[in-house]
Amino acid sequence: MSFFLASMSQRRRELLGQLGIPFQLINVDIDEQKRDKETPINYVERMAKEKAEFGIASLADQENAVVLAADTIVVQGDQVLGKPKDEQHAQAMLRSLSGRSHVVMTAFALKNQHKTRIQRVNTTVFFRNVLEAEVAWYWQTGEQHDKAGGYAIQGLGGVFVSSITGSYSSVVGLPLAELVTSLREFGIDFPSK
C-alpha cells in the first residue's frame, strides 16, 4: 500500500513525519474559494474532501493508494479569517484577534478507491492583548504572509497565544491523535512496522 499526503505544506509534512509512517507528496491545486452562505464547518470539510479526491484522481495506481488531505481555517464569530492579502489586512486580523478567543478548525480527509473518511477538530485559541508595536513587528518578520488567520502558533506568532483548549497539532495543521486512529481504518499502522 502507498500512502500520500496531498499537501505541499511544510508544517503538515513535518507533523506527519513525526509519526514515522512513509509517505509521498502530491501537489494539489484546487479552487479554495468559500461559497456564498457556506458555513465555516462545511467549508473546511469540503476543502479537505476535495483535496483528497483530487489527490487520488491524480494517481496512476489508485487501487493500492491512500491519500490524506487537510485544510485549516481560523474562525472568529462566524467569519473565516483567511490568509492575509497584504500588510493592512494582516495587521487588521491581528488587531481583531487581540485580547479575544477564536476557533481553529482543521479537517482532514482520508481517501482510497473505496471510501472516504472526513474528520474535523476544533481548538479554541486565546490571544493576550497585542501591542501596536508588536503588530508592526510581526508583519516585518514575514511569518504571517501565508498563514490562515495571519499567525503561526508554532513560530513567532506563539508569543500572542496565552492558552489553547484542544489540539495543538491541529492548530499547526494536522490533528495527530485523531489522525492515528483514522489511519488504522485504512490499514496504516502506528507505530509503523
N, C-alpha and C. Protein backbone atom coordinates (compact mmCIF):
# COMPACT_ATOMS: atom_id res chain seq x y z
N MET A 1 0.84 -1.18 0.00
CA MET A 1 0.00 0.00 0.00
C MET A 1 0.89 1.25 0.00
N SER A 2 0.47 2.25 -0.77
CA SER A 2 1.19 3.52 -0.82
C SER A 2 0.37 4.59 -0.12
N PHE A 3 1.05 5.43 0.65
CA PHE A 3 0.40 6.49 1.43
C PHE A 3 0.88 7.83 0.90
N PHE A 4 -0.08 8.72 0.63
CA PHE A 4 0.23 10.01 0.04
C PHE A 4 -0.33 11.14 0.88
N LEU A 5 0.42 12.23 0.96
CA LEU A 5 -0.05 13.47 1.57
C LEU A 5 -0.32 14.45 0.44
N ALA A 6 -1.58 14.84 0.29
CA ALA A 6 -1.97 15.78 -0.75
C ALA A 6 -1.86 17.20 -0.20
N SER A 7 -0.62 17.63 -0.03
CA SER A 7 -0.36 18.96 0.52
C SER A 7 1.12 19.27 0.33
N MET A 8 1.41 20.53 0.06
CA MET A 8 2.80 20.96 0.00
C MET A 8 3.17 21.76 1.25
N SER A 9 2.29 21.76 2.24
CA SER A 9 2.53 22.49 3.49
C SER A 9 3.71 21.89 4.25
N GLN A 10 4.69 22.71 4.51
CA GLN A 10 5.85 22.29 5.30
C GLN A 10 5.43 21.81 6.68
N ARG A 11 4.48 22.51 7.28
CA ARG A 11 4.02 22.15 8.62
C ARG A 11 3.37 20.76 8.64
N ARG A 12 2.54 20.49 7.65
CA ARG A 12 1.89 19.17 7.61
C ARG A 12 2.90 18.06 7.33
N ARG A 13 3.87 18.34 6.48
CA ARG A 13 4.91 17.34 6.21
C ARG A 13 5.67 17.01 7.49
N GLU A 14 6.02 18.05 8.25
CA GLU A 14 6.76 17.83 9.50
C GLU A 14 5.94 17.05 10.52
N LEU A 15 4.66 17.42 10.67
CA LEU A 15 3.81 16.72 11.63
C LEU A 15 3.64 15.26 11.25
N LEU A 16 3.33 15.00 9.99
CA LEU A 16 3.15 13.63 9.53
C LEU A 16 4.46 12.86 9.65
N GLY A 17 5.57 13.51 9.38
CA GLY A 17 6.88 12.89 9.50
C GLY A 17 7.18 12.42 10.91
N GLN A 18 6.61 13.10 11.92
CA GLN A 18 6.83 12.70 13.31
C GLN A 18 6.29 11.30 13.60
N LEU A 19 5.31 10.86 12.81
CA LEU A 19 4.72 9.55 13.04
C LEU A 19 5.59 8.41 12.52
N GLY A 20 6.55 8.73 11.65
CA GLY A 20 7.43 7.70 11.12
C GLY A 20 6.78 6.80 10.08
N ILE A 21 5.65 7.24 9.55
CA ILE A 21 4.96 6.47 8.51
C ILE A 21 5.44 6.99 7.15
N PRO A 22 5.99 6.14 6.30
CA PRO A 22 6.47 6.61 5.00
C PRO A 22 5.31 7.16 4.15
N PHE A 23 5.56 8.29 3.49
CA PHE A 23 4.54 8.87 2.62
C PHE A 23 5.21 9.60 1.47
N GLN A 24 4.42 9.80 0.41
CA GLN A 24 4.86 10.57 -0.75
C GLN A 24 3.95 11.80 -0.86
N LEU A 25 4.44 12.82 -1.56
CA LEU A 25 3.70 14.07 -1.69
C LEU A 25 2.97 14.17 -3.01
N ILE A 26 1.79 14.79 -2.96
CA ILE A 26 1.03 15.14 -4.15
C ILE A 26 0.74 16.63 -4.06
N ASN A 27 1.04 17.35 -5.12
CA ASN A 27 0.72 18.78 -5.18
C ASN A 27 -0.73 18.93 -5.64
N VAL A 28 -1.55 19.55 -4.80
CA VAL A 28 -2.97 19.70 -5.09
C VAL A 28 -3.26 21.15 -5.43
N ASP A 29 -3.91 21.35 -6.57
CA ASP A 29 -4.26 22.71 -6.99
C ASP A 29 -5.75 22.75 -7.29
N ILE A 30 -6.53 23.19 -6.30
CA ILE A 30 -7.98 23.29 -6.47
C ILE A 30 -8.43 24.71 -6.12
N ASP A 31 -9.64 25.04 -6.51
CA ASP A 31 -10.24 26.33 -6.16
C ASP A 31 -10.62 26.29 -4.68
N GLU A 32 -10.03 27.18 -3.89
CA GLU A 32 -10.27 27.18 -2.45
C GLU A 32 -11.19 28.30 -2.00
N GLN A 33 -11.98 28.85 -2.92
CA GLN A 33 -12.90 29.92 -2.57
C GLN A 33 -14.06 29.39 -1.75
N LYS A 34 -14.41 30.13 -0.71
CA LYS A 34 -15.58 29.80 0.11
C LYS A 34 -16.83 30.16 -0.69
N ARG A 35 -17.81 29.30 -0.64
CA ARG A 35 -19.07 29.55 -1.35
C ARG A 35 -19.97 30.49 -0.56
N ASP A 36 -20.84 31.19 -1.26
CA ASP A 36 -21.81 32.06 -0.60
C ASP A 36 -22.64 31.25 0.39
N LYS A 37 -22.79 31.78 1.59
CA LYS A 37 -23.61 31.19 2.66
C LYS A 37 -23.09 29.84 3.14
N GLU A 38 -21.88 29.47 2.76
CA GLU A 38 -21.29 28.23 3.24
C GLU A 38 -20.77 28.45 4.66
N THR A 39 -21.16 27.58 5.58
CA THR A 39 -20.70 27.72 6.96
C THR A 39 -19.21 27.38 7.05
N PRO A 40 -18.51 27.88 8.06
CA PRO A 40 -17.10 27.51 8.22
C PRO A 40 -16.89 26.00 8.31
N ILE A 41 -17.78 25.30 9.01
CA ILE A 41 -17.65 23.84 9.14
C ILE A 41 -17.76 23.17 7.77
N ASN A 42 -18.79 23.54 7.02
CA ASN A 42 -18.98 22.94 5.69
C ASN A 42 -17.81 23.26 4.77
N TYR A 43 -17.32 24.49 4.88
CA TYR A 43 -16.21 24.93 4.03
C TYR A 43 -14.94 24.12 4.29
N VAL A 44 -14.52 24.02 5.55
CA VAL A 44 -13.26 23.34 5.86
C VAL A 44 -13.35 21.85 5.55
N GLU A 45 -14.49 21.25 5.80
CA GLU A 45 -14.66 19.83 5.49
C GLU A 45 -14.69 19.60 3.98
N ARG A 46 -15.34 20.48 3.24
CA ARG A 46 -15.37 20.36 1.78
C ARG A 46 -13.97 20.49 1.19
N MET A 47 -13.19 21.44 1.71
CA MET A 47 -11.83 21.62 1.20
C MET A 47 -10.99 20.37 1.40
N ALA A 48 -11.04 19.78 2.59
CA ALA A 48 -10.27 18.56 2.86
C ALA A 48 -10.71 17.44 1.91
N LYS A 49 -12.01 17.27 1.75
CA LYS A 49 -12.55 16.21 0.88
C LYS A 49 -12.14 16.43 -0.57
N GLU A 50 -12.28 17.65 -1.07
CA GLU A 50 -11.94 17.92 -2.47
C GLU A 50 -10.45 17.75 -2.74
N LYS A 51 -9.62 18.11 -1.78
CA LYS A 51 -8.17 17.91 -1.94
C LYS A 51 -7.84 16.42 -2.00
N ALA A 52 -8.48 15.62 -1.14
CA ALA A 52 -8.24 14.17 -1.15
C ALA A 52 -8.73 13.56 -2.45
N GLU A 53 -9.89 13.98 -2.93
CA GLU A 53 -10.42 13.47 -4.19
C GLU A 53 -9.50 13.82 -5.36
N PHE A 54 -9.03 15.06 -5.39
CA PHE A 54 -8.09 15.47 -6.43
C PHE A 54 -6.83 14.62 -6.36
N GLY A 55 -6.35 14.40 -5.14
CA GLY A 55 -5.12 13.62 -4.95
C GLY A 55 -5.24 12.21 -5.47
N ILE A 56 -6.32 11.52 -5.10
CA ILE A 56 -6.45 10.13 -5.54
C ILE A 56 -6.68 10.06 -7.05
N ALA A 57 -7.40 11.02 -7.60
CA ALA A 57 -7.67 11.04 -9.05
C ALA A 57 -6.39 11.24 -9.85
N SER A 58 -5.38 11.87 -9.24
CA SER A 58 -4.13 12.15 -9.96
C SER A 58 -3.18 10.96 -10.00
N LEU A 59 -3.51 9.88 -9.28
CA LEU A 59 -2.61 8.73 -9.19
C LEU A 59 -2.89 7.69 -10.26
N ALA A 60 -1.83 7.09 -10.78
CA ALA A 60 -1.98 6.03 -11.77
C ALA A 60 -2.49 4.75 -11.10
N ASP A 61 -1.95 4.43 -9.90
CA ASP A 61 -2.35 3.22 -9.19
C ASP A 61 -3.23 3.61 -8.00
N GLN A 62 -4.52 3.72 -8.24
CA GLN A 62 -5.45 4.11 -7.18
C GLN A 62 -5.83 2.92 -6.30
N GLU A 63 -5.68 1.72 -6.82
CA GLU A 63 -6.11 0.52 -6.09
C GLU A 63 -5.34 0.34 -4.79
N ASN A 64 -4.07 0.69 -4.78
CA ASN A 64 -3.23 0.45 -3.61
C ASN A 64 -2.82 1.74 -2.91
N ALA A 65 -3.62 2.78 -3.05
CA ALA A 65 -3.25 4.08 -2.50
C ALA A 65 -4.23 4.56 -1.44
N VAL A 66 -3.67 5.26 -0.47
CA VAL A 66 -4.46 6.02 0.50
C VAL A 66 -3.93 7.44 0.46
N VAL A 67 -4.85 8.39 0.34
CA VAL A 67 -4.48 9.81 0.27
C VAL A 67 -5.01 10.52 1.50
N LEU A 68 -4.15 11.33 2.09
CA LEU A 68 -4.50 12.21 3.21
C LEU A 68 -4.46 13.64 2.72
N ALA A 69 -5.50 14.40 3.01
CA ALA A 69 -5.52 15.84 2.72
C ALA A 69 -6.12 16.55 3.93
N ALA A 70 -5.78 17.82 4.08
CA ALA A 70 -6.30 18.57 5.22
C ALA A 70 -6.45 20.04 4.85
N ASP A 71 -7.25 20.72 5.64
CA ASP A 71 -7.42 22.16 5.49
C ASP A 71 -7.61 22.74 6.88
N THR A 72 -7.03 23.91 7.10
CA THR A 72 -7.11 24.59 8.39
C THR A 72 -7.63 26.00 8.17
N ILE A 73 -8.62 26.39 8.98
CA ILE A 73 -9.14 27.75 8.92
C ILE A 73 -9.20 28.34 10.33
N VAL A 74 -9.18 29.65 10.38
CA VAL A 74 -9.33 30.39 11.62
C VAL A 74 -10.69 31.07 11.57
N VAL A 75 -11.48 30.87 12.62
CA VAL A 75 -12.85 31.39 12.64
C VAL A 75 -13.02 32.29 13.86
N GLN A 76 -13.49 33.50 13.61
CA GLN A 76 -13.81 34.43 14.69
C GLN A 76 -15.28 34.80 14.53
N GLY A 77 -16.09 34.39 15.50
CA GLY A 77 -17.53 34.53 15.34
C GLY A 77 -17.97 33.59 14.24
N ASP A 78 -18.55 34.14 13.18
CA ASP A 78 -18.90 33.31 12.03
C ASP A 78 -18.07 33.69 10.80
N GLN A 79 -17.00 34.45 11.05
CA GLN A 79 -16.13 34.94 9.99
C GLN A 79 -14.89 34.07 9.85
N VAL A 80 -14.61 33.62 8.61
CA VAL A 80 -13.39 32.87 8.34
C VAL A 80 -12.28 33.87 8.03
N LEU A 81 -11.20 33.80 8.79
CA LEU A 81 -10.05 34.67 8.57
C LEU A 81 -9.03 33.90 7.72
N GLY A 82 -8.96 34.23 6.47
CA GLY A 82 -8.06 33.53 5.55
C GLY A 82 -6.63 34.02 5.66
N LYS A 83 -5.88 33.79 4.61
CA LYS A 83 -4.50 34.28 4.55
C LYS A 83 -4.53 35.77 4.24
N PRO A 84 -3.63 36.54 4.83
CA PRO A 84 -3.65 37.99 4.60
C PRO A 84 -3.39 38.34 3.14
N LYS A 85 -4.15 39.31 2.65
CA LYS A 85 -3.97 39.78 1.28
C LYS A 85 -2.80 40.74 1.16
N ASP A 86 -2.57 41.50 2.24
CA ASP A 86 -1.50 42.49 2.25
C ASP A 86 -1.22 42.89 3.70
N GLU A 87 -0.33 43.85 3.89
CA GLU A 87 0.07 44.27 5.23
C GLU A 87 -1.11 44.80 6.04
N GLN A 88 -1.94 45.62 5.43
CA GLN A 88 -3.07 46.20 6.15
C GLN A 88 -4.05 45.12 6.61
N HIS A 89 -4.31 44.17 5.72
CA HIS A 89 -5.22 43.08 6.06
C HIS A 89 -4.64 42.23 7.19
N ALA A 90 -3.36 41.90 7.12
CA ALA A 90 -2.70 41.10 8.15
C ALA A 90 -2.75 41.81 9.51
N GLN A 91 -2.47 43.09 9.50
CA GLN A 91 -2.47 43.84 10.76
C GLN A 91 -3.87 43.99 11.32
N ALA A 92 -4.86 44.15 10.45
CA ALA A 92 -6.25 44.24 10.91
C ALA A 92 -6.69 42.92 11.56
N MET A 93 -6.28 41.80 10.97
CA MET A 93 -6.63 40.49 11.56
C MET A 93 -5.99 40.33 12.93
N LEU A 94 -4.72 40.70 13.04
CA LEU A 94 -4.03 40.56 14.32
C LEU A 94 -4.69 41.43 15.39
N ARG A 95 -5.07 42.63 15.02
CA ARG A 95 -5.78 43.50 15.97
C ARG A 95 -7.11 42.90 16.39
N SER A 96 -7.81 42.26 15.44
CA SER A 96 -9.13 41.69 15.77
C SER A 96 -8.99 40.46 16.69
N LEU A 97 -7.87 39.75 16.60
CA LEU A 97 -7.64 38.60 17.46
C LEU A 97 -7.16 39.00 18.86
N SER A 98 -6.60 40.18 18.98
CA SER A 98 -6.00 40.65 20.23
C SER A 98 -7.00 40.65 21.39
N GLY A 99 -6.60 40.00 22.49
CA GLY A 99 -7.41 40.00 23.70
C GLY A 99 -8.68 39.17 23.61
N ARG A 100 -8.79 38.34 22.59
CA ARG A 100 -10.02 37.56 22.39
C ARG A 100 -9.69 36.11 22.08
N SER A 101 -10.72 35.32 22.00
CA SER A 101 -10.55 33.93 21.59
C SER A 101 -11.08 33.74 20.17
N HIS A 102 -10.59 32.71 19.52
CA HIS A 102 -11.08 32.32 18.20
C HIS A 102 -10.96 30.80 18.11
N VAL A 103 -11.54 30.23 17.07
CA VAL A 103 -11.51 28.79 16.88
C VAL A 103 -10.70 28.46 15.64
N VAL A 104 -9.78 27.52 15.78
CA VAL A 104 -9.05 26.99 14.64
C VAL A 104 -9.65 25.63 14.32
N MET A 105 -10.15 25.51 13.09
CA MET A 105 -10.74 24.25 12.63
C MET A 105 -9.79 23.61 11.62
N THR A 106 -9.42 22.36 11.88
CA THR A 106 -8.70 21.58 10.89
C THR A 106 -9.53 20.36 10.56
N ALA A 107 -9.81 20.20 9.28
CA ALA A 107 -10.48 18.99 8.80
C ALA A 107 -9.48 18.20 7.99
N PHE A 108 -9.50 16.88 8.16
CA PHE A 108 -8.68 16.05 7.30
C PHE A 108 -9.56 15.00 6.65
N ALA A 109 -9.15 14.58 5.46
CA ALA A 109 -9.86 13.53 4.73
C ALA A 109 -8.87 12.44 4.36
N LEU A 110 -9.26 11.22 4.58
CA LEU A 110 -8.51 10.04 4.13
C LEU A 110 -9.35 9.39 3.04
N LYS A 111 -8.72 9.07 1.93
CA LYS A 111 -9.47 8.50 0.80
C LYS A 111 -8.67 7.40 0.14
N ASN A 112 -9.36 6.30 -0.11
CA ASN A 112 -8.83 5.29 -1.01
C ASN A 112 -9.87 5.07 -2.11
N GLN A 113 -9.70 4.05 -2.89
CA GLN A 113 -10.62 3.85 -4.02
C GLN A 113 -12.04 3.50 -3.56
N HIS A 114 -12.19 3.04 -2.33
CA HIS A 114 -13.48 2.53 -1.88
C HIS A 114 -14.20 3.40 -0.86
N LYS A 115 -13.47 4.22 -0.12
CA LYS A 115 -14.15 5.00 0.91
C LYS A 115 -13.41 6.30 1.20
N THR A 116 -14.15 7.20 1.82
CA THR A 116 -13.61 8.49 2.26
C THR A 116 -14.00 8.69 3.72
N ARG A 117 -13.05 9.15 4.52
CA ARG A 117 -13.34 9.49 5.91
C ARG A 117 -12.92 10.92 6.14
N ILE A 118 -13.86 11.72 6.67
CA ILE A 118 -13.58 13.13 6.96
C ILE A 118 -13.77 13.34 8.45
N GLN A 119 -12.82 14.03 9.06
CA GLN A 119 -12.92 14.37 10.48
C GLN A 119 -12.46 15.80 10.68
N ARG A 120 -13.14 16.49 11.58
CA ARG A 120 -12.80 17.88 11.89
C ARG A 120 -12.49 17.99 13.37
N VAL A 121 -11.47 18.78 13.68
CA VAL A 121 -11.08 19.04 15.07
C VAL A 121 -11.09 20.55 15.29
N ASN A 122 -11.80 20.98 16.32
CA ASN A 122 -11.86 22.41 16.68
C ASN A 122 -11.02 22.66 17.92
N THR A 123 -10.24 23.71 17.88
CA THR A 123 -9.43 24.11 19.02
C THR A 123 -9.66 25.60 19.27
N THR A 124 -9.92 25.96 20.52
CA THR A 124 -10.10 27.36 20.87
C THR A 124 -8.75 27.94 21.29
N VAL A 125 -8.40 29.06 20.68
CA VAL A 125 -7.13 29.73 20.94
C VAL A 125 -7.42 31.08 21.57
N PHE A 126 -6.72 31.38 22.65
CA PHE A 126 -6.89 32.65 23.35
C PHE A 126 -5.65 33.52 23.14
N PHE A 127 -5.87 34.74 22.68
CA PHE A 127 -4.78 35.71 22.50
C PHE A 127 -4.73 36.68 23.67
N ARG A 128 -3.53 37.02 24.09
CA ARG A 128 -3.36 38.13 25.03
C ARG A 128 -3.55 39.42 24.25
N ASN A 129 -3.55 40.54 24.95
CA ASN A 129 -3.62 41.83 24.26
C ASN A 129 -2.31 42.07 23.52
N VAL A 130 -2.44 42.38 22.22
CA VAL A 130 -1.27 42.58 21.37
C VAL A 130 -1.02 44.09 21.24
N LEU A 131 0.20 44.51 21.49
CA LEU A 131 0.55 45.93 21.41
C LEU A 131 0.72 46.37 19.96
N GLU A 132 0.48 47.64 19.69
CA GLU A 132 0.61 48.16 18.32
C GLU A 132 2.03 47.95 17.78
N ALA A 133 3.02 48.12 18.63
CA ALA A 133 4.41 47.90 18.18
C ALA A 133 4.60 46.45 17.75
N GLU A 134 3.92 45.51 18.42
CA GLU A 134 4.02 44.10 18.07
C GLU A 134 3.32 43.80 16.74
N VAL A 135 2.23 44.50 16.47
CA VAL A 135 1.51 44.33 15.21
C VAL A 135 2.44 44.68 14.05
N ALA A 136 3.12 45.82 14.16
CA ALA A 136 4.06 46.24 13.10
C ALA A 136 5.25 45.28 13.02
N TRP A 137 5.79 44.89 14.16
CA TRP A 137 6.94 43.97 14.20
C TRP A 137 6.61 42.65 13.53
N TYR A 138 5.43 42.10 13.82
CA TYR A 138 5.11 40.77 13.32
C TYR A 138 5.03 40.75 11.80
N TRP A 139 4.49 41.79 11.19
CA TRP A 139 4.46 41.83 9.73
C TRP A 139 5.89 41.81 9.18
N GLN A 140 6.78 42.55 9.82
CA GLN A 140 8.16 42.63 9.34
C GLN A 140 8.89 41.30 9.42
N THR A 141 8.46 40.39 10.28
CA THR A 141 9.11 39.08 10.38
C THR A 141 8.84 38.22 9.13
N GLY A 142 7.77 38.52 8.40
CA GLY A 142 7.41 37.75 7.21
C GLY A 142 6.64 36.48 7.51
N GLU A 143 6.47 36.16 8.76
CA GLU A 143 5.86 34.89 9.13
C GLU A 143 4.36 34.82 8.79
N GLN A 144 3.67 35.93 8.90
CA GLN A 144 2.22 35.86 8.76
C GLN A 144 1.73 35.95 7.32
N HIS A 145 2.62 36.12 6.38
CA HIS A 145 2.22 36.37 4.99
C HIS A 145 1.35 35.28 4.39
N ASP A 146 1.60 34.01 4.73
CA ASP A 146 0.85 32.91 4.09
C ASP A 146 0.13 32.03 5.10
N LYS A 147 -0.24 32.59 6.25
CA LYS A 147 -0.86 31.80 7.31
C LYS A 147 -2.33 32.16 7.48
N ALA A 148 -3.17 31.14 7.58
CA ALA A 148 -4.59 31.37 7.88
C ALA A 148 -4.70 32.12 9.21
N GLY A 149 -5.50 33.17 9.22
CA GLY A 149 -5.64 33.98 10.43
C GLY A 149 -4.49 34.94 10.65
N GLY A 150 -3.46 34.83 9.80
CA GLY A 150 -2.35 35.77 9.88
C GLY A 150 -1.37 35.53 11.00
N TYR A 151 -1.29 34.28 11.52
CA TYR A 151 -0.27 33.99 12.54
C TYR A 151 0.08 32.51 12.52
N ALA A 152 1.24 32.19 13.09
CA ALA A 152 1.70 30.80 13.20
C ALA A 152 1.98 30.51 14.67
N ILE A 153 1.16 29.64 15.27
CA ILE A 153 1.31 29.32 16.70
C ILE A 153 2.66 28.65 16.97
N GLN A 154 3.18 27.89 16.00
CA GLN A 154 4.43 27.15 16.18
C GLN A 154 5.66 28.03 15.94
N GLY A 155 5.43 29.27 15.54
CA GLY A 155 6.53 30.18 15.26
C GLY A 155 6.49 31.38 16.19
N LEU A 156 6.89 32.52 15.65
CA LEU A 156 6.91 33.75 16.44
C LEU A 156 5.52 34.17 16.90
N GLY A 157 4.48 33.79 16.12
CA GLY A 157 3.11 34.12 16.50
C GLY A 157 2.68 33.49 17.81
N GLY A 158 3.41 32.48 18.26
CA GLY A 158 3.12 31.86 19.54
C GLY A 158 3.22 32.82 20.72
N VAL A 159 3.93 33.93 20.55
CA VAL A 159 4.06 34.89 21.66
C VAL A 159 2.74 35.59 21.97
N PHE A 160 1.78 35.52 21.05
CA PHE A 160 0.49 36.16 21.27
C PHE A 160 -0.52 35.23 21.95
N VAL A 161 -0.23 33.94 21.96
CA VAL A 161 -1.18 32.94 22.45
C VAL A 161 -1.01 32.75 23.95
N SER A 162 -2.08 33.05 24.71
CA SER A 162 -2.00 32.87 26.16
C SER A 162 -2.40 31.45 26.57
N SER A 163 -3.31 30.82 25.82
CA SER A 163 -3.68 29.43 26.10
C SER A 163 -4.49 28.87 24.93
N ILE A 164 -4.62 27.54 24.95
CA ILE A 164 -5.49 26.88 23.97
C ILE A 164 -6.31 25.83 24.70
N THR A 165 -7.47 25.53 24.14
CA THR A 165 -8.29 24.42 24.61
C THR A 165 -8.50 23.51 23.42
N GLY A 166 -7.81 22.37 23.43
CA GLY A 166 -7.92 21.45 22.31
C GLY A 166 -6.56 20.99 21.85
N SER A 167 -6.46 20.68 20.57
CA SER A 167 -5.29 20.05 19.98
C SER A 167 -4.30 21.07 19.42
N TYR A 168 -3.09 21.07 19.97
CA TYR A 168 -2.04 21.95 19.46
C TYR A 168 -1.67 21.58 18.03
N SER A 169 -1.49 20.28 17.76
CA SER A 169 -1.08 19.87 16.41
C SER A 169 -2.14 20.23 15.38
N SER A 170 -3.39 20.26 15.78
CA SER A 170 -4.46 20.66 14.87
C SER A 170 -4.33 22.13 14.49
N VAL A 171 -3.95 22.97 15.44
CA VAL A 171 -3.75 24.40 15.15
C VAL A 171 -2.59 24.56 14.17
N VAL A 172 -1.56 23.74 14.32
CA VAL A 172 -0.42 23.79 13.41
C VAL A 172 -0.82 23.30 12.01
N GLY A 173 -1.76 22.36 11.94
CA GLY A 173 -2.23 21.94 10.63
C GLY A 173 -2.65 20.50 10.45
N LEU A 174 -2.46 19.65 11.49
CA LEU A 174 -2.84 18.24 11.35
C LEU A 174 -3.05 17.64 12.75
N PRO A 175 -4.29 17.26 13.10
CA PRO A 175 -4.55 16.70 14.43
C PRO A 175 -4.06 15.26 14.53
N LEU A 176 -2.91 15.09 15.13
CA LEU A 176 -2.23 13.79 15.11
C LEU A 176 -2.97 12.70 15.88
N ALA A 177 -3.53 13.00 17.04
CA ALA A 177 -4.22 11.97 17.83
C ALA A 177 -5.38 11.38 17.05
N GLU A 178 -6.18 12.23 16.44
CA GLU A 178 -7.33 11.78 15.67
C GLU A 178 -6.89 11.09 14.38
N LEU A 179 -5.83 11.59 13.78
CA LEU A 179 -5.34 11.01 12.53
C LEU A 179 -4.87 9.57 12.72
N VAL A 180 -4.12 9.31 13.77
CA VAL A 180 -3.59 7.96 14.02
C VAL A 180 -4.73 6.95 14.12
N THR A 181 -5.79 7.32 14.82
CA THR A 181 -6.94 6.43 14.96
C THR A 181 -7.59 6.17 13.60
N SER A 182 -7.74 7.21 12.81
CA SER A 182 -8.38 7.07 11.49
C SER A 182 -7.52 6.29 10.51
N LEU A 183 -6.19 6.44 10.59
CA LEU A 183 -5.31 5.71 9.68
C LEU A 183 -5.49 4.20 9.81
N ARG A 184 -5.76 3.74 11.02
CA ARG A 184 -5.93 2.29 11.24
C ARG A 184 -7.11 1.74 10.44
N GLU A 185 -8.14 2.56 10.26
CA GLU A 185 -9.30 2.13 9.46
C GLU A 185 -8.91 1.88 8.00
N PHE A 186 -7.80 2.48 7.58
CA PHE A 186 -7.33 2.33 6.19
C PHE A 186 -6.14 1.39 6.09
N GLY A 187 -5.87 0.65 7.17
CA GLY A 187 -4.81 -0.35 7.14
C GLY A 187 -3.40 0.22 7.31
N ILE A 188 -3.30 1.43 7.84
CA ILE A 188 -1.99 2.04 8.06
C ILE A 188 -1.74 2.05 9.57
N ASP A 189 -0.74 1.30 9.98
CA ASP A 189 -0.48 1.13 11.40
C ASP A 189 0.43 2.19 11.97
N PHE A 190 0.16 2.56 13.22
CA PHE A 190 1.05 3.40 14.00
C PHE A 190 1.22 2.72 15.34
N PRO A 191 2.45 2.49 15.82
CA PRO A 191 3.67 2.77 15.07
C PRO A 191 3.80 1.85 13.87
N SER A 192 4.46 2.37 12.84
CA SER A 192 4.59 1.59 11.60
C SER A 192 5.54 0.41 11.83
N LYS A 193 5.30 -0.65 11.07
CA LYS A 193 6.10 -1.88 11.25
C LYS A 193 7.31 -1.87 10.34
